[in-house]
């Protein structure tokens, strides 16, 4: 009888430990899945940050290219102006006064737009004349 009781106790003990081991295995699996999800979420955030950094770098490169091309255009314009050479004095005077006169005319036009037009017409005209006046001044 003792053998049967020992055998039953061993079977019950093995069953209980098997059940506990199974529960622990399931719990460990759940913990592993949570860690894996957290790792994937972390990697996704890193990928998003890398894409954002690449996008910003592309925008910076584009802006740099625009600025560089603007300076190249200005340089070419100044070289073309310098290559004209000397001519009759009145031609040099007209050429020298053209840009200042145009700049003054554009600022007068801008002032007249702000003083003489209504609010509806002012919006469209003001942007154009302000752009032209500041471009002529800064050129």
C-alpha atoms as a PDB file:
ATOM      1  CA  UNK A   1       0.000   0.000   0.000  1.00  0.00           C
ATOM      2  CA  UNK A   2       2.874   2.250   0.726  1.00  0.00           C
ATOM      3  CA  UNK A   3       4.099   1.696  -2.781  1.00  0.00           C
ATOM      4  CA  UNK A   4       0.754   2.742  -4.224  1.00  0.00           C
ATOM      5  CA  UNK A   5       0.621   5.826  -1.985  1.00  0.00           C
ATOM      6  CA  UNK A   6       4.188   6.731  -2.991  1.00  0.00           C
ATOM      7  CA  UNK A   7       3.363   6.187  -6.622  1.00  0.00           C
ATOM      8  CA  UNK A   8       0.232   8.352  -6.323  1.00  0.00           C
ATOM      9  CA  UNK A   9       2.188  11.071  -4.509  1.00  0.00           C
ATOM     10  CA  UNK A  10       4.874  10.999  -7.190  1.00  0.00           C
ATOM     11  CA  UNK A  11       2.241  11.219  -9.927  1.00  0.00           C
ATOM     12  CA  UNK A  12       0.465  14.100  -8.162  1.00  0.00           C
ATOM     13  CA  UNK A  13       3.750  15.887  -7.484  1.00  0.00           C
ATOM     14  CA  UNK A  14       4.859  15.422 -11.100  1.00  0.00           C
ATOM     15  CA  UNK A  15       1.510  16.699 -12.341  1.00  0.00           C
ATOM     16  CA  UNK A  16       1.649  19.747 -10.082  1.00  0.00           C
ATOM     17  CA  UNK A  17       5.236  20.550 -11.086  1.00  0.00           C
ATOM     18  CA  UNK A  18       4.351  19.973 -14.746  1.00  0.00           C
ATOM     19  CA  UNK A  19       1.409  22.329 -14.409  1.00  0.00           C
ATOM     20  CA  UNK A  20       3.554  24.954 -12.643  1.00  0.00           C
ATOM     21  CA  UNK A  21       6.235  24.568 -15.320  1.00  0.00           C
ATOM     22  CA  UNK A  22       3.621  24.999 -18.035  1.00  0.00           C
ATOM     23  CA  UNK A  23       2.260  28.163 -16.378  1.00  0.00           C
ATOM     24  CA  UNK A  24       5.786  29.541 -15.970  1.00  0.00           C
ATOM     25  CA  UNK A  25       6.512  28.715 -19.627  1.00  0.00           C
ATOM     26  CA  UNK A  26       3.376  30.537 -20.735  1.00  0.00           C
ATOM     27  CA  UNK A  27       4.200  33.540 -18.563  1.00  0.00           C
ATOM     28  CA  UNK A  28       7.745  33.608 -19.952  1.00  0.00           C
ATOM     29  CA  UNK A  29       6.306  33.483 -23.486  1.00  0.00           C
ATOM     30  CA  UNK A  30       4.060  36.438 -22.737  1.00  0.00           C
ATOM     31  CA  UNK A  31       6.984  38.397 -21.321  1.00  0.00           C
ATOM     32  CA  UNK A  32       9.072  37.548 -24.408  1.00  0.00           C
ATOM     33  CA  UNK A  33       6.288  38.703 -26.729  1.00  0.00           C
ATOM     34  CA  UNK A  34       5.974  41.992 -24.833  1.00  0.00           C
ATOM     35  CA  UNK A  35       9.720  42.519 -25.065  1.00  0.00           C
ATOM     36  CA  UNK A  36       9.646  41.732 -28.777  1.00  0.00           C
ATOM     37  CA  UNK A  37       6.795  44.196 -29.337  1.00  0.00           C
ATOM     38  CA  UNK A  38       8.704  46.838 -27.385  1.00  0.00           C
ATOM     39  CA  UNK A  39      11.824  46.145 -29.457  1.00  0.00           C
ATOM     40  CA  UNK A  40       9.847  46.445 -32.703  1.00  0.00           C
ATOM     41  CA  UNK A  41       8.231  49.683 -31.512  1.00  0.00           C
ATOM     42  CA  UNK A  42      11.664  51.021 -30.602  1.00  0.00           C
ATOM     43  CA  UNK A  43      13.061  50.050 -34.007  1.00  0.00           C
ATOM     44  CA  UNK A  44      10.075  51.675 -35.710  1.00  0.00           C
ATOM     45  CA  UNK A  45      10.682  54.913 -33.808  1.00  0.00           C
ATOM     46  CA  UNK A  46      14.344  54.781 -34.822  1.00  0.00           C
ATOM     47  CA  UNK A  47      13.399  54.258 -38.470  1.00  0.00           C
ATOM     48  CA  UNK A  48      10.967  57.184 -38.297  1.00  0.00           C
ATOM     49  CA  UNK A  49      13.692  59.385 -36.821  1.00  0.00           C
ATOM     50  CA  UNK A  50      16.157  58.280 -39.497  1.00  0.00           C
ATOM     51  CA  UNK A  51      13.628  59.049 -42.246  1.00  0.00           C
ATOM     52  CA  UNK A  52      12.951  62.441 -40.704  1.00  0.00           C
ATOM     53  CA  UNK A  53      16.696  63.165 -40.530  1.00  0.00           C
ATOM     54  CA  UNK A  54      17.140  62.137 -44.177  1.00  0.00           C
ATOM     55  CA  UNK A  55      14.183  64.296 -45.200  1.00  0.00           C
ATOM     56  CA  UNK A  56      15.656  67.281 -43.339  1.00  0.00           C
ATOM     57  CA  UNK A  57      19.077  66.652 -44.917  1.00  0.00           C
ATOM     58  CA  UNK A  58      17.462  66.573 -48.372  1.00  0.00           C
ATOM     59  CA  UNK A  59      15.664  69.847 -47.694  1.00  0.00           C
ATOM     60  CA  UNK A  60      18.912  71.396 -46.450  1.00  0.00           C
ATOM     61  CA  UNK A  61      20.747  70.226 -49.583  1.00  0.00           C
ATOM     62  CA  UNK A  62      18.005  71.667 -51.778  1.00  0.00           C
ATOM     63  CA  UNK A  63      18.138  74.996 -49.951  1.00  0.00           C
ATOM     64  CA  UNK A  64      21.929  75.065 -50.254  1.00  0.00           C
ATOM     65  CA  UNK A  65      21.688  74.390 -53.987  1.00  0.00           C
ATOM     66  CA  UNK A  66      19.164  77.223 -54.401  1.00  0.00           C
ATOM     67  CA  UNK A  67      21.397  79.667 -52.519  1.00  0.00           C
ATOM     68  CA  UNK A  68      24.480  78.587 -54.464  1.00  0.00           C
ATOM     69  CA  UNK A  69      22.699  78.991 -57.801  1.00  0.00           C
ATOM     70  CA  UNK A  70      21.546  82.461 -56.760  1.00  0.00           C
ATOM     71  CA  UNK A  71      25.115  83.510 -56.025  1.00  0.00           C
ATOM     72  CA  UNK A  72      26.271  82.014 -59.330  1.00  0.00           C
ATOM     73  CA  UNK A  73      23.616  84.053 -61.147  1.00  0.00           C
ATOM     74  CA  UNK A  74      24.707  87.233 -59.401  1.00  0.00           C
ATOM     75  CA  UNK A  75      28.342  86.505 -60.219  1.00  0.00           C
ATOM     76  CA  UNK A  76      27.496  85.915 -63.893  1.00  0.00           C
ATOM     77  CA  UNK A  77      25.502  89.145 -63.992  1.00  0.00           C
ATOM     78  CA  UNK A  78      28.366  91.145 -62.517  1.00  0.00           C
ATOM     79  CA  UNK A  79      30.846  89.577 -64.941  1.00  0.00           C
ATOM     80  CA  UNK A  80      28.572  90.434 -67.873  1.00  0.00           C
ATOM     81  CA  UNK A  81      28.300  94.011 -66.626  1.00  0.00           C
ATOM     82  CA  UNK A  82      32.074  94.290 -66.284  1.00  0.00           C
ATOM     83  CA  UNK A  83      32.691  92.902 -69.781  1.00  0.00           C
ATOM     84  CA  UNK A  84      30.673  95.634 -71.542  1.00  0.00           C
ATOM     85  CA  UNK A  85      33.583  98.047 -71.611  1.00  0.00           C
ATOM     86  CA  UNK A  86      33.707 101.774 -72.352  1.00  0.00           C
ATOM     87  CA  UNK A  87      31.484 103.626 -74.831  1.00  0.00           C
ATOM     88  CA  UNK A  88      30.319 107.172 -75.464  1.00  0.00           C
ATOM     89  CA  UNK A  89      29.947 109.259 -72.279  1.00  0.00           C
ATOM     90  CA  UNK A  90      26.184 109.685 -72.722  1.00  0.00           C
ATOM     91  CA  UNK A  91      25.756 105.885 -73.158  1.00  0.00           C
ATOM     92  CA  UNK A  92      27.666 105.286 -69.926  1.00  0.00           C
ATOM     93  CA  UNK A  93      25.517 107.923 -68.178  1.00  0.00           C
ATOM     94  CA  UNK A  94      22.239 106.351 -69.372  1.00  0.00           C
ATOM     95  CA  UNK A  95      23.474 102.883 -68.453  1.00  0.00           C
ATOM     96  CA  UNK A  96      24.595 104.121 -65.026  1.00  0.00           C
ATOM     97  CA  UNK A  97      21.276 105.870 -64.312  1.00  0.00           C
ATOM     98  CA  UNK A  98      18.940 103.143 -65.584  1.00  0.00           C
ATOM     99  CA  UNK A  99      19.019 100.921 -62.514  1.00  0.00           C
ATOM    100  CA  UNK A 100      18.733 103.736 -59.912  1.00  0.00           C
ATOM    101  CA  UNK A 101      15.882 105.341 -61.881  1.00  0.00           C
ATOM    102  CA  UNK A 102      14.051 102.012 -62.161  1.00  0.00           C
ATOM    103  CA  UNK A 103      14.504 101.391 -58.439  1.00  0.00           C
ATOM    104  CA  UNK A 104      13.145 104.826 -57.571  1.00  0.00           C
ATOM    105  CA  UNK A 105      10.232 104.344 -59.988  1.00  0.00           C
ATOM    106  CA  UNK A 106       9.380 100.975 -58.426  1.00  0.00           C
ATOM    107  CA  UNK A 107       9.374 102.454 -54.903  1.00  0.00           C
ATOM    108  CA  UNK A 108       7.167 105.342 -56.065  1.00  0.00           C
ATOM    109  CA  UNK A 109       4.805 102.796 -57.658  1.00  0.00           C
ATOM    110  CA  UNK A 110       4.770 100.788 -54.443  1.00  0.00           C
ATOM    111  CA  UNK A 111       3.935 103.908 -52.443  1.00  0.00           C
ATOM    112  CA  UNK A 112       1.124 104.834 -54.841  1.00  0.00           C
ATOM    113  CA  UNK A 113      -0.326 101.333 -54.569  1.00  0.00           C
ATOM    114  CA  UNK A 114      -0.441 101.561 -50.778  1.00  0.00           C
ATOM    115  CA  UNK A 115      -1.825 105.101 -50.771  1.00  0.00           C
ATOM    116  CA  UNK A 116      -4.269 105.028 -53.650  1.00  0.00           C
ATOM    117  CA  UNK A 117      -5.830 101.599 -53.948  1.00  0.00           C
ATOM    118  CA  UNK A 118      -8.509  99.812 -51.997  1.00  0.00           C
ATOM    119  CA  UNK A 119      -7.909  96.793 -49.807  1.00  0.00           C
ATOM    120  CA  UNK A 120      -9.066  94.275 -52.434  1.00  0.00           C
ATOM    121  CA  UNK A 121      -6.766  95.530 -55.196  1.00  0.00           C
ATOM    122  CA  UNK A 122      -3.908  96.229 -52.818  1.00  0.00           C
ATOM    123  CA  UNK A 123      -3.286  92.567 -51.991  1.00  0.00           C
ATOM    124  CA  UNK A 124      -2.402  91.421 -55.502  1.00  0.00           C
ATOM    125  CA  UNK A 125      -0.582  94.550 -56.608  1.00  0.00           C
ATOM    126  CA  UNK A 126       1.300  95.096 -53.365  1.00  0.00           C
ATOM    127  CA  UNK A 127       3.028  91.718 -53.463  1.00  0.00           C
ATOM    128  CA  UNK A 128       4.247  92.236 -56.997  1.00  0.00           C
ATOM    129  CA  UNK A 129       5.444  95.802 -56.564  1.00  0.00           C
ATOM    130  CA  UNK A 130       7.063  95.087 -53.200  1.00  0.00           C
ATOM    131  CA  UNK A 131       8.917  92.130 -54.702  1.00  0.00           C
ATOM    132  CA  UNK A 132      10.089  94.193 -57.677  1.00  0.00           C
ATOM    133  CA  UNK A 133      11.134  97.161 -55.520  1.00  0.00           C
ATOM    134  CA  UNK A 134      13.121  95.091 -53.025  1.00  0.00           C
ATOM    135  CA  UNK A 135      14.723  93.035 -55.819  1.00  0.00           C
ATOM    136  CA  UNK A 136      15.781  96.230 -57.594  1.00  0.00           C
ATOM    137  CA  UNK A 137      17.114  97.732 -54.366  1.00  0.00           C
ATOM    138  CA  UNK A 138      19.091  94.660 -53.336  1.00  0.00           C
ATOM    139  CA  UNK A 139      20.418  93.990 -56.826  1.00  0.00           C
END
